[in-house]
Amino acid sequence: MHKIVILRWDGRITTASGSALPDAAARIVDHAVNADDHAEGETETVWIAHGELDVEPYEVAREDADHLIRMLWDADKEAHGAGQE
C-alpha cells in the first residue's frame, strides 16, 4: 500500500491524503501527468507526494485538480476495504 498526499495551490493551500494500492497510486500519478500535458486555460499547481520521497509538481486544470482528489479518496476507500476481505 502507498501513502499519497496531494497539496493543491489555488490561491490557498488545500491538502488531501490517503492510502492507495499500487495500481491505484499509479493511476493517480498517470492522470496528473496527462492533465499536466494537456492543461489549458486557468490552471492550478498540484504537488503529489508518493513513494519514499517522490514529490512532483503538476500544472493542471481546476477540474483535473478536483478529479485527482476524488481519485485519492476513492483509492483510500478501496485500499481499506481490500484489507477487510
C-alpha atoms as a PDB file:
ATOM      1  CA  MET A   1       0.000   0.000   0.000  1.00  0.00           C
ATOM      2  CA  HIS A   2       1.213   3.523  -0.817  1.00  0.00           C
ATOM      3  CA  LYS A   3       0.656   6.685   1.187  1.00  0.00           C
ATOM      4  CA  ILE A   4      -0.237   9.628  -1.063  1.00  0.00           C
ATOM      5  CA  VAL A   5      -0.517  13.304  -0.184  1.00  0.00           C
ATOM      6  CA  ILE A   6      -1.871  15.891  -2.599  1.00  0.00           C
ATOM      7  CA  LEU A   7      -1.089  19.555  -1.965  1.00  0.00           C
ATOM      8  CA  ARG A   8      -3.145  21.927  -4.081  1.00  0.00           C
ATOM      9  CA  TRP A   9      -2.488  25.622  -4.604  1.00  0.00           C
ATOM     10  CA  ASP A  10      -5.479  27.588  -5.902  1.00  0.00           C
ATOM     11  CA  GLY A  11      -4.851  30.825  -4.017  1.00  0.00           C
ATOM     12  CA  ARG A  12      -4.802  28.845  -0.784  1.00  0.00           C
ATOM     13  CA  ILE A  13      -3.321  25.504   0.161  1.00  0.00           C
ATOM     14  CA  THR A  14      -5.621  22.505   0.267  1.00  0.00           C
ATOM     15  CA  THR A  15      -4.372  19.050   1.220  1.00  0.00           C
ATOM     16  CA  ALA A  16      -5.740  15.547   0.842  1.00  0.00           C
ATOM     17  CA  SER A  17      -4.060  12.351   1.967  1.00  0.00           C
ATOM     18  CA  GLY A  18      -4.800   8.684   1.938  1.00  0.00           C
ATOM     19  CA  SER A  19      -3.586   5.218   1.150  1.00  0.00           C
ATOM     20  CA  ALA A  20      -3.729   3.527  -2.222  1.00  0.00           C
ATOM     21  CA  LEU A  21      -2.971   0.126  -3.610  1.00  0.00           C
ATOM     22  CA  PRO A  22      -0.050   0.241  -6.089  1.00  0.00           C
ATOM     23  CA  ASP A  23      -2.216   0.193  -9.235  1.00  0.00           C
ATOM     24  CA  ALA A  24      -4.482   2.958  -7.904  1.00  0.00           C
ATOM     25  CA  ALA A  25      -1.443   5.065  -6.968  1.00  0.00           C
ATOM     26  CA  ALA A  26      -0.112   4.649 -10.495  1.00  0.00           C
ATOM     27  CA  ARG A  27      -3.480   5.714 -11.966  1.00  0.00           C
ATOM     28  CA  ILE A  28      -3.468   8.901  -9.868  1.00  0.00           C
ATOM     29  CA  VAL A  29       0.051   9.836 -10.973  1.00  0.00           C
ATOM     30  CA  ASP A  30      -0.706   8.933 -14.614  1.00  0.00           C
ATOM     31  CA  HIS A  31      -3.789  11.160 -14.533  1.00  0.00           C
ATOM     32  CA  ALA A  32      -1.719  14.036 -13.123  1.00  0.00           C
ATOM     33  CA  VAL A  33       0.920  13.622 -15.853  1.00  0.00           C
ATOM     34  CA  ASN A  34      -1.733  13.584 -18.598  1.00  0.00           C
ATOM     35  CA  ALA A  35      -3.556  16.555 -17.077  1.00  0.00           C
ATOM     36  CA  ASP A  36      -0.287  18.494 -16.901  1.00  0.00           C
ATOM     37  CA  ASP A  37       0.473  17.689 -20.553  1.00  0.00           C
ATOM     38  CA  HIS A  38      -2.956  18.914 -21.712  1.00  0.00           C
ATOM     39  CA  ALA A  39      -3.708  21.769 -19.284  1.00  0.00           C
ATOM     40  CA  GLU A  40      -5.359  24.782 -20.906  1.00  0.00           C
ATOM     41  CA  GLY A  41      -6.996  27.901 -19.540  1.00  0.00           C
ATOM     42  CA  GLU A  42      -6.980  28.516 -15.805  1.00  0.00           C
ATOM     43  CA  THR A  43      -4.636  26.092 -14.052  1.00  0.00           C
ATOM     44  CA  GLU A  44      -3.563  25.239 -10.529  1.00  0.00           C
ATOM     45  CA  THR A  45      -0.377  23.717  -9.186  1.00  0.00           C
ATOM     46  CA  VAL A  46      -0.813  20.314  -7.566  1.00  0.00           C
ATOM     47  CA  TRP A  47       2.044  18.541  -5.791  1.00  0.00           C
ATOM     48  CA  ILE A  48       1.703  14.797  -5.333  1.00  0.00           C
ATOM     49  CA  ALA A  49       3.873  13.075  -2.737  1.00  0.00           C
ATOM     50  CA  HIS A  50       4.043   9.307  -3.104  1.00  0.00           C
ATOM     51  CA  GLY A  51       6.502   6.501  -2.601  1.00  0.00           C
ATOM     52  CA  GLU A  52       9.577   7.117  -0.497  1.00  0.00           C
ATOM     53  CA  LEU A  53      10.450  10.720  -1.266  1.00  0.00           C
ATOM     54  CA  ASP A  54       8.846  11.348  -4.641  1.00  0.00           C
ATOM     55  CA  VAL A  55       7.227  14.790  -4.744  1.00  0.00           C
ATOM     56  CA  GLU A  56       6.237  16.023  -8.175  1.00  0.00           C
ATOM     57  CA  PRO A  57       4.527  19.298  -9.164  1.00  0.00           C
ATOM     58  CA  TYR A  58       1.890  19.288 -11.897  1.00  0.00           C
ATOM     59  CA  GLU A  59       0.148  22.256 -13.507  1.00  0.00           C
ATOM     60  CA  VAL A  60      -3.398  21.081 -14.152  1.00  0.00           C
ATOM     61  CA  ALA A  61      -6.823  22.481 -14.956  1.00  0.00           C
ATOM     62  CA  ARG A  62      -9.057  23.152 -11.951  1.00  0.00           C
ATOM     63  CA  GLU A  63     -11.431  20.285 -12.801  1.00  0.00           C
ATOM     64  CA  ASP A  64      -8.462  17.896 -13.004  1.00  0.00           C
ATOM     65  CA  ALA A  65      -7.276  19.008  -9.557  1.00  0.00           C
ATOM     66  CA  ASP A  66     -10.754  18.217  -8.210  1.00  0.00           C
ATOM     67  CA  HIS A  67     -10.706  14.856 -10.001  1.00  0.00           C
ATOM     68  CA  LEU A  68      -7.279  13.913  -8.582  1.00  0.00           C
ATOM     69  CA  ILE A  69      -8.540  14.459  -5.043  1.00  0.00           C
ATOM     70  CA  ARG A  70     -11.663  12.374  -5.723  1.00  0.00           C
ATOM     71  CA  MET A  71      -9.444   9.635  -7.189  1.00  0.00           C
ATOM     72  CA  LEU A  72      -7.375   9.653  -3.989  1.00  0.00           C
ATOM     73  CA  TRP A  73     -10.472   9.417  -1.781  1.00  0.00           C
ATOM     74  CA  ASP A  74     -11.784   6.505  -3.859  1.00  0.00           C
ATOM     75  CA  ALA A  75      -8.377   4.774  -3.759  1.00  0.00           C
ATOM     76  CA  ASP A  76      -8.228   5.195   0.025  1.00  0.00           C
ATOM     77  CA  LYS A  77     -11.673   3.614   0.420  1.00  0.00           C
ATOM     78  CA  GLU A  78     -10.652   0.760  -1.887  1.00  0.00           C
ATOM     79  CA  ALA A  79      -7.357   0.212  -0.024  1.00  0.00           C
ATOM     80  CA  HIS A  80      -9.071  -0.020   3.344  1.00  0.00           C
ATOM     81  CA  GLY A  81     -11.865  -2.204   2.003  1.00  0.00           C
ATOM     82  CA  ALA A  82      -9.378  -4.585   0.371  1.00  0.00           C
ATOM     83  CA  GLY A  83      -7.865  -5.434   3.733  1.00  0.00           C
ATOM     84  CA  GLN A  84     -11.248  -6.490   5.133  1.00  0.00           C
ATOM     85  CA  GLU A  85     -11.971  -9.220   2.593  1.00  0.00           C
END
